[in-house]
Amino acid sequence: MRITRYFAVTTVGALLIVGSPCLSRLPGTTLPVVHASTSTPNSGVAPQYDTTHVYVSPEDFDRFVASLLATFGGTATKQGVFTVTPTPSSTMSQLVLTPVGTLSVFGFKTPVPYPFGAERTGYLVTDLDGTTRTAVEDGADVLVSPFNDPIGRDVVIQWPGGVNMQLYWHTTAPSYKALQTIPENRVYVSTNKVEAFRRGFLAFSHGKVISDDPHAPGVEIGRPKDIYRRIRIESSFGKLTVLVTDGHLPYPYGRETTGYEVANLADTLAKAKAAGVEILVPPYTIDHRAAALVQFPGGYIAEVHSPVSN
């Protein structure tokens, strides 16, 4: 998709977890920082060009965009109606540029062609065909082969574990301000597929593992009596958190695709509530961050956090 991505597309996210004392402990221990191979070119640009894809109904579109801007600040591009898929369709589209992350918002006026709507993010790359080949070599599948959009080209890929993302390239290179804080793409992956995902995404992104904690506190996934595995990865595409889980997740965990870092969580939540945002999970403090889960008008669920000193 593009138009809203038209100006960018993002996101990603990977997460991992595992669970309960009555479940098998995840294999492996905490790993040292791991750097990916540099045998292939790094086609990532910068985190402000990696957008979270959000699909809302047309009647919720304006209210959703307004609530984002009221909560995080920033600006939005001019809204338009475009065809952003390789088959006939029509969608409202707008790019929201906030200091804490970029979002591509879609409000389809026609049924959404498969498999669009399942891709969590869009990554801007410098070479679409070359990057697609690299992704396949690193273990990704191509769900939608490269196609043209009004301002460039796109492809939809899937990583092991069922993580869908879109890669895009602009005919004219975009120019966005650097972000104040880098959002994290939050991806939930099973214990069976996490190593394949981790290995493939690291090679593709030329990223590094910042931490790999097999004893992360389960409160982060709504299971305060349990532990799970959490992997944090950073690359030129931004931050990625992989939650390795058995899939026994209480609502709304697993529904949030992006975590946004803000300066003060309490202040941000106050702004959010005034803009009609619902607090689904009240603030809790763990791993040097205060965090909460929220739902914006239109249904978009996100994690919001701010750093704290433990």
C-alpha atoms as a PDB file:
ATOM      1  CA  MET A   1       0.000   0.000   0.000  1.00  0.00           C
ATOM      2  CA  ARG A   2       1.366   3.240  -0.392  1.00  0.00           C
ATOM      3  CA  ILE A   3      -0.282   6.542  -0.927  1.00  0.00           C
ATOM      4  CA  THR A   4      -0.541   7.180   2.753  1.00  0.00           C
ATOM      5  CA  ARG A   5       2.487   5.229   2.583  1.00  0.00           C
ATOM      6  CA  TYR A   6       2.360   7.299  -0.334  1.00  0.00           C
ATOM      7  CA  PHE A   7       4.652   9.103   1.842  1.00  0.00           C
ATOM      8  CA  ALA A   8       5.824   6.253   3.856  1.00  0.00           C
ATOM      9  CA  VAL A   9       4.983   2.965   5.195  1.00  0.00           C
ATOM     10  CA  THR A  10       5.993   1.217   8.167  1.00  0.00           C
ATOM     11  CA  THR A  11       6.255  -0.962  10.631  1.00  0.00           C
ATOM     12  CA  VAL A  12       7.135  -4.079  11.564  1.00  0.00           C
ATOM     13  CA  GLY A  13       7.224  -5.614  14.755  1.00  0.00           C
ATOM     14  CA  ALA A  14       8.219  -8.865  16.133  1.00  0.00           C
ATOM     15  CA  LEU A  15       7.658 -10.253  19.536  1.00  0.00           C
ATOM     16  CA  LEU A  16       8.247 -13.304  21.441  1.00  0.00           C
ATOM     17  CA  ILE A  17       7.210 -14.893  24.542  1.00  0.00           C
ATOM     18  CA  VAL A  18       6.668 -17.999  26.364  1.00  0.00           C
ATOM     19  CA  GLY A  19       4.861 -18.665  29.321  1.00  0.00           C
ATOM     20  CA  SER A  20       3.679 -20.275  32.342  1.00  0.00           C
ATOM     21  CA  PRO A  21       5.392 -22.483  34.879  1.00  0.00           C
ATOM     22  CA  CYS A  22       3.191 -25.290  33.640  1.00  0.00           C
ATOM     23  CA  LEU A  23       4.574 -24.831  30.138  1.00  0.00           C
ATOM     24  CA  SER A  24       7.948 -25.997  28.901  1.00  0.00           C
ATOM     25  CA  ARG A  25      10.653 -23.425  29.473  1.00  0.00           C
ATOM     26  CA  LEU A  26      11.752 -21.828  26.219  1.00  0.00           C
ATOM     27  CA  PRO A  27      15.006 -23.278  24.960  1.00  0.00           C
ATOM     28  CA  GLY A  28      18.164 -21.232  25.191  1.00  0.00           C
ATOM     29  CA  THR A  29      19.539 -18.629  27.518  1.00  0.00           C
ATOM     30  CA  THR A  30      20.175 -14.933  27.222  1.00  0.00           C
ATOM     31  CA  LEU A  31      22.353 -14.325  24.198  1.00  0.00           C
ATOM     32  CA  PRO A  32      25.076 -11.727  23.730  1.00  0.00           C
ATOM     33  CA  VAL A  33      24.607  -8.912  21.263  1.00  0.00           C
ATOM     34  CA  VAL A  34      24.512 -10.532  17.822  1.00  0.00           C
ATOM     35  CA  HIS A  35      25.307  -8.727  14.604  1.00  0.00           C
ATOM     36  CA  ALA A  36      23.884  -9.856  11.283  1.00  0.00           C
ATOM     37  CA  SER A  37      25.948 -10.773   8.268  1.00  0.00           C
ATOM     38  CA  THR A  38      26.903  -7.898   5.983  1.00  0.00           C
ATOM     39  CA  SER A  39      27.194 -10.036   2.856  1.00  0.00           C
ATOM     40  CA  THR A  40      24.222  -8.255   1.257  1.00  0.00           C
ATOM     41  CA  PRO A  41      23.593  -4.499   0.921  1.00  0.00           C
ATOM     42  CA  ASN A  42      21.615  -2.738   3.639  1.00  0.00           C
ATOM     43  CA  SER A  43      18.615  -1.151   1.897  1.00  0.00           C
ATOM     44  CA  GLY A  44      17.027   0.407   4.987  1.00  0.00           C
ATOM     45  CA  VAL A  45      16.691   4.196   5.022  1.00  0.00           C
ATOM     46  CA  ALA A  46      15.634   5.516   8.457  1.00  0.00           C
ATOM     47  CA  PRO A  47      12.903   4.851  11.067  1.00  0.00           C
ATOM     48  CA  GLN A  48      10.789   7.878  10.094  1.00  0.00           C
ATOM     49  CA  TYR A  49      10.139   6.156   6.745  1.00  0.00           C
ATOM     50  CA  ASP A  50       8.848   2.971   8.340  1.00  0.00           C
ATOM     51  CA  THR A  51       5.125   3.332   8.890  1.00  0.00           C
ATOM     52  CA  THR A  52       2.576   1.410  10.859  1.00  0.00           C
ATOM     53  CA  HIS A  53      -0.357   0.499   8.598  1.00  0.00           C
ATOM     54  CA  VAL A  54      -3.732   1.201  10.159  1.00  0.00           C
ATOM     55  CA  TYR A  55      -7.061   0.257   8.568  1.00  0.00           C
ATOM     56  CA  VAL A  56     -10.187   1.997   9.848  1.00  0.00           C
ATOM     57  CA  SER A  57     -13.692   2.403   8.468  1.00  0.00           C
ATOM     58  CA  PRO A  58     -14.263   5.572   6.409  1.00  0.00           C
ATOM     59  CA  GLU A  59     -16.678   6.932   9.028  1.00  0.00           C
ATOM     60  CA  ASP A  60     -13.960   6.662  11.714  1.00  0.00           C
ATOM     61  CA  PHE A  61     -11.131   7.973   9.553  1.00  0.00           C
ATOM     62  CA  ASP A  62     -11.102  11.676  10.491  1.00  0.00           C
ATOM     63  CA  ARG A  63     -11.778  11.005  14.159  1.00  0.00           C
ATOM     64  CA  PHE A  64      -8.902   8.525  14.304  1.00  0.00           C
ATOM     65  CA  VAL A  65      -6.412  10.890  12.679  1.00  0.00           C
ATOM     66  CA  ALA A  66      -7.497  13.744  14.946  1.00  0.00           C
ATOM     67  CA  SER A  67      -7.045  11.563  18.055  1.00  0.00           C
ATOM     68  CA  LEU A  68      -3.535  10.574  16.977  1.00  0.00           C
ATOM     69  CA  LEU A  69      -2.488  14.189  16.508  1.00  0.00           C
ATOM     70  CA  ALA A  70      -4.089  15.236  19.797  1.00  0.00           C
ATOM     71  CA  THR A  71      -2.248  12.455  21.627  1.00  0.00           C
ATOM     72  CA  PHE A  72       1.207  12.601  20.048  1.00  0.00           C
ATOM     73  CA  GLY A  73       1.344  15.890  18.136  1.00  0.00           C
ATOM     74  CA  GLY A  74       2.640  16.183  14.585  1.00  0.00           C
ATOM     75  CA  THR A  75       1.070  16.771  11.196  1.00  0.00           C
ATOM     76  CA  ALA A  76      -0.891  14.894   8.539  1.00  0.00           C
ATOM     77  CA  THR A  77      -0.633  14.992   4.777  1.00  0.00           C
ATOM     78  CA  LYS A  78      -3.597  15.955   2.633  1.00  0.00           C
ATOM     79  CA  GLN A  79      -6.225  13.232   2.583  1.00  0.00           C
ATOM     80  CA  GLY A  80      -7.014  11.632  -0.759  1.00  0.00           C
ATOM     81  CA  VAL A  81      -8.737   8.641  -2.337  1.00  0.00           C
ATOM     82  CA  PHE A  82      -6.501   6.265  -4.269  1.00  0.00           C
ATOM     83  CA  THR A  83      -5.942   2.760  -5.603  1.00  0.00           C
ATOM     84  CA  VAL A  84      -3.018   1.378  -3.599  1.00  0.00           C
ATOM     85  CA  THR A  85      -3.365  -2.326  -4.456  1.00  0.00           C
ATOM     86  CA  PRO A  86      -2.482  -4.200  -7.669  1.00  0.00           C
ATOM     87  CA  THR A  87      -6.160  -5.099  -8.184  1.00  0.00           C
ATOM     88  CA  PRO A  88      -9.093  -2.658  -8.387  1.00  0.00           C
ATOM     89  CA  SER A  89      -9.922  -0.990  -5.063  1.00  0.00           C
ATOM     90  CA  SER A  90     -10.501   2.435  -3.590  1.00  0.00           C
ATOM     91  CA  THR A  91      -9.326   3.773  -0.252  1.00  0.00           C
ATOM     92  CA  MET A  92      -9.085   7.006   1.665  1.00  0.00           C
ATOM     93  CA  SER A  93      -5.423   7.452   2.508  1.00  0.00           C
ATOM     94  CA  GLN A  94      -3.417   9.797   4.706  1.00  0.00           C
ATOM     95  CA  LEU A  95       0.055   9.847   6.217  1.00  0.00           C
ATOM     96  CA  VAL A  96       0.324  10.942   9.851  1.00  0.00           C
ATOM     97  CA  LEU A  97       3.766  12.196  10.846  1.00  0.00           C
ATOM     98  CA  THR A  98       4.135  12.324  14.627  1.00  0.00           C
ATOM     99  CA  PRO A  99       7.339  12.903  16.626  1.00  0.00           C
ATOM    100  CA  VAL A 100       7.095   9.328  17.935  1.00  0.00           C
ATOM    101  CA  GLY A 101       6.332   7.438  14.732  1.00  0.00           C
ATOM    102  CA  THR A 102       4.782   7.534  11.269  1.00  0.00           C
ATOM    103  CA  LEU A 103       1.434   5.953  10.418  1.00  0.00           C
ATOM    104  CA  SER A 104      -0.206   5.182   7.094  1.00  0.00           C
ATOM    105  CA  VAL A 105      -3.966   5.304   7.537  1.00  0.00           C
ATOM    106  CA  PHE A 106      -6.382   3.581   5.149  1.00  0.00           C
ATOM    107  CA  GLY A 107     -10.166   3.769   5.004  1.00  0.00           C
ATOM    108  CA  PHE A 108     -11.302   1.434   2.229  1.00  0.00           C
ATOM    109  CA  LYS A 109     -14.440   2.387   0.366  1.00  0.00           C
ATOM    110  CA  THR A 110     -14.421  -0.990  -1.393  1.00  0.00           C
ATOM    111  CA  PRO A 111     -13.783  -4.458   0.019  1.00  0.00           C
ATOM    112  CA  VAL A 112     -10.095  -4.831   0.925  1.00  0.00           C
ATOM    113  CA  PRO A 113      -8.285  -7.161  -1.532  1.00  0.00           C
ATOM    114  CA  TYR A 114      -6.446 -10.104   0.043  1.00  0.00           C
ATOM    115  CA  PRO A 115      -3.940 -10.070   1.762  1.00  0.00           C
ATOM    116  CA  PHE A 116      -3.976  -6.313   2.408  1.00  0.00           C
ATOM    117  CA  GLY A 117      -4.932  -5.332   5.909  1.00  0.00           C
ATOM    118  CA  ALA A 118      -2.753  -8.083   7.405  1.00  0.00           C
ATOM    119  CA  GLU A 119       0.535  -6.277   6.748  1.00  0.00           C
ATOM    120  CA  ARG A 120       1.536  -4.503   9.923  1.00  0.00           C
ATOM    121  CA  THR A 121       4.117  -2.107   8.570  1.00  0.00           C
ATOM    122  CA  GLY A 122       5.759  -0.714   5.466  1.00  0.00           C
ATOM    123  CA  TYR A 123       9.522  -0.254   5.126  1.00  0.00           C
ATOM    124  CA  LEU A 124      11.051   2.219   2.688  1.00  0.00           C
ATOM    125  CA  VAL A 125      13.941   0.591   0.800  1.00  0.00           C
ATOM    126  CA  THR A 126      16.464   1.887  -1.683  1.00  0.00           C
ATOM    127  CA  ASP A 127      16.071  -0.990  -4.177  1.00  0.00           C
ATOM    128  CA  LEU A 128      12.757  -2.835  -4.216  1.00  0.00           C
ATOM    129  CA  ASP A 129      13.705  -5.728  -6.507  1.00  0.00           C
ATOM    130  CA  GLY A 130      17.077  -6.320  -4.877  1.00  0.00           C
ATOM    131  CA  THR A 131      15.627  -6.089  -1.383  1.00  0.00           C
ATOM    132  CA  THR A 132      12.851  -8.522  -2.281  1.00  0.00           C
ATOM    133  CA  ARG A 133      15.411 -11.036  -3.535  1.00  0.00           C
ATOM    134  CA  THR A 134      17.397 -10.594  -0.335  1.00  0.00           C
ATOM    135  CA  ALA A 135      14.304 -11.122   1.819  1.00  0.00           C
ATOM    136  CA  VAL A 136      13.522 -14.363  -0.016  1.00  0.00           C
ATOM    137  CA  GLU A 137      17.109 -15.540   0.412  1.00  0.00           C
ATOM    138  CA  ASP A 138      16.772 -14.793   4.119  1.00  0.00           C
ATOM    139  CA  GLY A 139      13.639 -16.916   4.466  1.00  0.00           C
ATOM    140  CA  ALA A 140      10.716 -14.627   3.620  1.00  0.00           C
ATOM    141  CA  ASP A 141       7.857 -15.543   1.300  1.00  0.00           C
ATOM    142  CA  VAL A 142       6.419 -13.133  -1.278  1.00  0.00           C
ATOM    143  CA  LEU A 143       2.676 -12.803  -0.749  1.00  0.00           C
ATOM    144  CA  VAL A 144       2.133 -10.031  -3.321  1.00  0.00           C
ATOM    145  CA  SER A 145       4.773  -9.704  -6.019  1.00  0.00           C
ATOM    146  CA  PRO A 146       6.053  -6.198  -6.860  1.00  0.00           C
ATOM    147  CA  PHE A 147       3.438  -3.823  -8.270  1.00  0.00           C
ATOM    148  CA  ASN A 148       3.181  -0.157  -9.192  1.00  0.00           C
ATOM    149  CA  ASP A 149       1.335   2.437  -7.164  1.00  0.00           C
ATOM    150  CA  PRO A 150       0.743   6.127  -7.937  1.00  0.00           C
ATOM    151  CA  ILE A 151       4.158   7.188  -6.606  1.00  0.00           C
ATOM    152  CA  GLY A 152       6.376   4.122  -6.753  1.00  0.00           C
ATOM    153  CA  ARG A 153       6.408   0.365  -6.278  1.00  0.00           C
ATOM    154  CA  ASP A 154       5.507  -2.093  -3.520  1.00  0.00           C
ATOM    155  CA  VAL A 155       5.731  -5.735  -2.478  1.00  0.00           C
ATOM    156  CA  VAL A 156       4.207  -7.654   0.429  1.00  0.00           C
ATOM    157  CA  ILE A 157       6.327 -10.312   2.152  1.00  0.00           C
ATOM    158  CA  GLN A 158       5.852 -12.720   5.047  1.00  0.00           C
ATOM    159  CA  TRP A 159       8.494 -13.843   7.524  1.00  0.00           C
ATOM    160  CA  PRO A 160       8.479 -17.176   9.351  1.00  0.00           C
ATOM    161  CA  GLY A 161       5.935 -16.978  12.144  1.00  0.00           C
ATOM    162  CA  GLY A 162       3.371 -15.208   9.953  1.00  0.00           C
ATOM    163  CA  VAL A 163       4.801 -11.680  10.202  1.00  0.00           C
ATOM    164  CA  ASN A 164       3.564  -9.720   7.167  1.00  0.00           C
ATOM    165  CA  MET A 165       5.104  -6.450   6.052  1.00  0.00           C
ATOM    166  CA  GLN A 166       5.182  -4.269   2.981  1.00  0.00           C
ATOM    167  CA  LEU A 167       8.322  -2.945   1.335  1.00  0.00           C
ATOM    168  CA  TYR A 168       8.046   0.177  -0.779  1.00  0.00           C
ATOM    169  CA  TRP A 169      10.106   2.429  -3.009  1.00  0.00           C
ATOM    170  CA  HIS A 170       9.309   5.984  -4.133  1.00  0.00           C
ATOM    171  CA  THR A 171       9.968   7.311  -7.615  1.00  0.00           C
ATOM    172  CA  THR A 172      10.988  10.582  -5.941  1.00  0.00           C
ATOM    173  CA  ALA A 173      12.749  10.026  -2.637  1.00  0.00           C
ATOM    174  CA  PRO A 174      10.691  11.361   0.307  1.00  0.00           C
ATOM    175  CA  SER A 175      12.138  13.647   2.976  1.00  0.00           C
ATOM    176  CA  TYR A 176      10.732  13.501   6.530  1.00  0.00           C
ATOM    177  CA  LYS A 177      12.016  15.003   9.759  1.00  0.00           C
ATOM    178  CA  ALA A 178      13.866  12.673  12.090  1.00  0.00           C
ATOM    179  CA  LEU A 179      11.765  11.265  14.923  1.00  0.00           C
ATOM    180  CA  GLN A 180      12.137  12.402  18.523  1.00  0.00           C
ATOM    181  CA  THR A 181      11.834   8.805  19.695  1.00  0.00           C
ATOM    182  CA  ILE A 182      11.908   5.566  17.710  1.00  0.00           C
ATOM    183  CA  PRO A 183       8.798   3.375  17.962  1.00  0.00           C
ATOM    184  CA  GLU A 184       9.093  -0.370  18.359  1.00  0.00           C
ATOM    185  CA  ASN A 185       7.382  -2.812  16.070  1.00  0.00           C
ATOM    186  CA  ARG A 186       5.864  -5.429  18.358  1.00  0.00           C
ATOM    187  CA  VAL A 187       5.678  -8.905  16.845  1.00  0.00           C
ATOM    188  CA  TYR A 188       4.301 -12.013  18.508  1.00  0.00           C
ATOM    189  CA  VAL A 189       5.960 -15.219  17.273  1.00  0.00           C
ATOM    190  CA  SER A 190       5.623 -18.837  18.375  1.00  0.00           C
ATOM    191  CA  THR A 191       8.424 -20.798  20.011  1.00  0.00           C
ATOM    192  CA  ASN A 192       8.528 -23.015  16.918  1.00  0.00           C
ATOM    193  CA  LYS A 193       9.216 -20.166  14.501  1.00  0.00           C
ATOM    194  CA  VAL A 194      11.111 -17.587  16.548  1.00  0.00           C
ATOM    195  CA  GLU A 195      14.618 -18.742  15.617  1.00  0.00           C
ATOM    196  CA  ALA A 196      13.775 -18.803  11.907  1.00  0.00           C
ATOM    197  CA  PHE A 197      12.244 -15.326  12.189  1.00  0.00           C
ATOM    198  CA  ARG A 198      15.132 -13.974  14.245  1.00  0.00           C
ATOM    199  CA  ARG A 199      17.790 -15.388  11.940  1.00  0.00           C
ATOM    200  CA  GLY A 200      16.074 -14.224   8.750  1.00  0.00           C
ATOM    201  CA  PHE A 201      15.141 -10.735   9.939  1.00  0.00           C
ATOM    202  CA  LEU A 202      18.623 -10.045  11.343  1.00  0.00           C
ATOM    203  CA  ALA A 203      20.244 -11.010   8.050  1.00  0.00           C
ATOM    204  CA  PHE A 204      17.736  -8.969   6.054  1.00  0.00           C
ATOM    205  CA  SER A 205      17.886  -5.843   8.223  1.00  0.00           C
ATOM    206  CA  HIS A 206      21.590  -5.966   9.108  1.00  0.00           C
ATOM    207  CA  GLY A 207      20.330  -5.504  12.632  1.00  0.00           C
ATOM    208  CA  LYS A 208      21.644  -6.489  16.027  1.00  0.00           C
ATOM    209  CA  VAL A 209      20.101  -8.136  19.059  1.00  0.00           C
ATOM    210  CA  ILE A 210      20.106  -5.623  21.906  1.00  0.00           C
ATOM    211  CA  SER A 211      18.717  -8.080  24.433  1.00  0.00           C
ATOM    212  CA  ASP A 212      17.327 -11.604  24.522  1.00  0.00           C
ATOM    213  CA  ASP A 213      15.653 -12.278  27.868  1.00  0.00           C
ATOM    214  CA  PRO A 214      14.145 -15.764  28.393  1.00  0.00           C
ATOM    215  CA  HIS A 215      12.790 -14.669  31.776  1.00  0.00           C
ATOM    216  CA  ALA A 216      10.952 -11.466  30.870  1.00  0.00           C
ATOM    217  CA  PRO A 217       8.076 -10.658  33.280  1.00  0.00           C
ATOM    218  CA  GLY A 218       4.750 -11.978  32.044  1.00  0.00           C
ATOM    219  CA  VAL A 219       2.920  -8.820  33.122  1.00  0.00           C
ATOM    220  CA  GLU A 220       4.081  -7.433  29.764  1.00  0.00           C
ATOM    221  CA  ILE A 221       1.741  -9.876  28.045  1.00  0.00           C
ATOM    222  CA  GLY A 222      -1.058  -9.911  30.580  1.00  0.00           C
ATOM    223  CA  ARG A 223       0.211 -12.943  32.513  1.00  0.00           C
ATOM    224  CA  PRO A 224       1.756 -11.527  35.696  1.00  0.00           C
ATOM    225  CA  LYS A 225       2.420 -14.951  37.279  1.00  0.00           C
ATOM    226  CA  ASP A 226       4.434 -16.197  34.310  1.00  0.00           C
ATOM    227  CA  ILE A 227       7.642 -15.452  32.430  1.00  0.00           C
ATOM    228  CA  TYR A 228       8.235 -15.307  28.695  1.00  0.00           C
ATOM    229  CA  ARG A 229      11.014 -14.614  26.209  1.00  0.00           C
ATOM    230  CA  ARG A 230      11.492 -11.107  24.848  1.00  0.00           C
ATOM    231  CA  ILE A 231      13.964 -10.168  22.095  1.00  0.00           C
ATOM    232  CA  ARG A 232      14.817  -6.571  21.233  1.00  0.00           C
ATOM    233  CA  ILE A 233      16.372  -5.864  17.820  1.00  0.00           C
ATOM    234  CA  GLU A 234      17.612  -2.588  16.328  1.00  0.00           C
ATOM    235  CA  SER A 235      18.505  -1.823  12.713  1.00  0.00           C
ATOM    236  CA  SER A 236      18.356   0.999  10.184  1.00  0.00           C
ATOM    237  CA  PHE A 237      14.630   0.205   9.946  1.00  0.00           C
ATOM    238  CA  GLY A 238      14.175   1.064  13.627  1.00  0.00           C
ATOM    239  CA  LYS A 239      13.324  -1.008  16.696  1.00  0.00           C
ATOM    240  CA  LEU A 240      11.685  -4.417  16.747  1.00  0.00           C
ATOM    241  CA  THR A 241      10.486  -6.288  19.819  1.00  0.00           C
ATOM    242  CA  VAL A 242       9.771  -9.974  19.437  1.00  0.00           C
ATOM    243  CA  LEU A 243       7.458 -11.552  21.985  1.00  0.00           C
ATOM    244  CA  VAL A 244       7.810 -15.309  21.941  1.00  0.00           C
ATOM    245  CA  THR A 245       4.582 -16.870  23.116  1.00  0.00           C
ATOM    246  CA  ASP A 246       2.417 -19.943  23.273  1.00  0.00           C
ATOM    247  CA  GLY A 247      -0.525 -17.863  22.073  1.00  0.00           C
ATOM    248  CA  HIS A 248      -2.360 -17.960  25.413  1.00  0.00           C
ATOM    249  CA  LEU A 249      -2.833 -14.207  25.446  1.00  0.00           C
ATOM    250  CA  PRO A 250      -5.584 -12.283  27.203  1.00  0.00           C
ATOM    251  CA  TYR A 251      -7.135  -9.423  25.261  1.00  0.00           C
ATOM    252  CA  PRO A 252      -5.775  -7.013  24.046  1.00  0.00           C
ATOM    253  CA  TYR A 253      -2.242  -8.471  24.020  1.00  0.00           C
ATOM    254  CA  GLY A 254      -1.124  -9.492  20.554  1.00  0.00           C
ATOM    255  CA  ARG A 255      -3.396  -6.870  18.998  1.00  0.00           C
ATOM    256  CA  GLU A 256      -0.921  -4.022  19.461  1.00  0.00           C
ATOM    257  CA  THR A 257       1.492  -3.747  16.532  1.00  0.00           C
ATOM    258  CA  THR A 258       3.531  -0.742  17.647  1.00  0.00           C
ATOM    259  CA  GLY A 259       4.897   0.655  20.901  1.00  0.00           C
ATOM    260  CA  TYR A 260       5.361   4.430  21.076  1.00  0.00           C
ATOM    261  CA  GLU A 261       7.904   6.040  23.403  1.00  0.00           C
ATOM    262  CA  VAL A 262       6.780   9.342  24.923  1.00  0.00           C
ATOM    263  CA  ALA A 263       8.465  11.687  27.402  1.00  0.00           C
ATOM    264  CA  ASN A 264       5.798  11.371  30.085  1.00  0.00           C
ATOM    265  CA  LEU A 265       3.266   8.545  30.036  1.00  0.00           C
ATOM    266  CA  ALA A 266       0.793  10.194  32.427  1.00  0.00           C
ATOM    267  CA  ASP A 267       0.675  13.403  30.398  1.00  0.00           C
ATOM    268  CA  THR A 268       0.242  11.490  27.137  1.00  0.00           C
ATOM    269  CA  LEU A 269      -2.560   9.339  28.535  1.00  0.00           C
ATOM    270  CA  ALA A 270      -4.345  12.459  29.764  1.00  0.00           C
ATOM    271  CA  LYS A 271      -4.217  13.910  26.249  1.00  0.00           C
ATOM    272  CA  ALA A 272      -5.338  10.593  24.801  1.00  0.00           C
ATOM    273  CA  LYS A 273      -8.371  10.293  27.090  1.00  0.00           C
ATOM    274  CA  ALA A 274      -9.412  13.857  26.224  1.00  0.00           C
ATOM    275  CA  ALA A 275      -9.271  12.852  22.541  1.00  0.00           C
ATOM    276  CA  GLY A 276     -11.550   9.845  23.004  1.00  0.00           C
ATOM    277  CA  VAL A 277      -8.849   7.198  23.399  1.00  0.00           C
ATOM    278  CA  GLU A 278      -9.698   4.276  25.724  1.00  0.00           C
ATOM    279  CA  ILE A 279      -7.133   2.983  28.234  1.00  0.00           C
ATOM    280  CA  LEU A 280      -7.332  -0.816  27.865  1.00  0.00           C
ATOM    281  CA  VAL A 281      -4.449  -1.713  30.207  1.00  0.00           C
ATOM    282  CA  PRO A 282      -3.666   0.809  32.964  1.00  0.00           C
ATOM    283  CA  PRO A 283      -0.055   1.899  33.440  1.00  0.00           C
ATOM    284  CA  TYR A 284       2.405  -0.534  34.981  1.00  0.00           C
ATOM    285  CA  THR A 285       6.175  -0.236  35.464  1.00  0.00           C
ATOM    286  CA  ILE A 286       8.664  -2.911  34.405  1.00  0.00           C
ATOM    287  CA  ASP A 287      12.029  -3.120  32.621  1.00  0.00           C
ATOM    288  CA  HIS A 288      12.819   0.579  33.125  1.00  0.00           C
ATOM    289  CA  ARG A 289       9.603   1.694  31.466  1.00  0.00           C
ATOM    290  CA  ALA A 290       6.108   2.713  32.424  1.00  0.00           C
ATOM    291  CA  ALA A 291       3.675   1.320  29.865  1.00  0.00           C
ATOM    292  CA  ALA A 292      -0.021   1.098  29.016  1.00  0.00           C
ATOM    293  CA  LEU A 293      -2.161  -0.251  26.178  1.00  0.00           C
ATOM    294  CA  VAL A 294      -4.699   2.041  24.535  1.00  0.00           C
ATOM    295  CA  GLN A 295      -7.341   1.902  21.815  1.00  0.00           C
ATOM    296  CA  PHE A 296      -7.922   4.841  19.488  1.00  0.00           C
ATOM    297  CA  PRO A 297     -11.241   5.693  17.853  1.00  0.00           C
ATOM    298  CA  GLY A 298     -11.673   3.286  14.953  1.00  0.00           C
ATOM    299  CA  GLY A 299     -10.182   0.360  16.858  1.00  0.00           C
ATOM    300  CA  TYR A 300      -6.394   0.838  16.532  1.00  0.00           C
ATOM    301  CA  ILE A 301      -4.619  -0.625  19.585  1.00  0.00           C
ATOM    302  CA  ALA A 302      -1.142   0.537  20.593  1.00  0.00           C
ATOM    303  CA  GLU A 303       1.339   0.263  23.441  1.00  0.00           C
ATOM    304  CA  VAL A 304       2.591   3.591  24.854  1.00  0.00           C
ATOM    305  CA  HIS A 305       5.560   3.831  27.189  1.00  0.00           C
ATOM    306  CA  SER A 306       8.025   6.222  28.764  1.00  0.00           C
ATOM    307  CA  PRO A 307      11.413   5.544  30.391  1.00  0.00           C
ATOM    308  CA  VAL A 308      11.654   5.470  34.179  1.00  0.00           C
ATOM    309  CA  SER A 309      14.457   4.878  36.657  1.00  0.00           C
ATOM    310  CA  ASN A 310      13.958   1.623  38.520  1.00  0.00           C
END
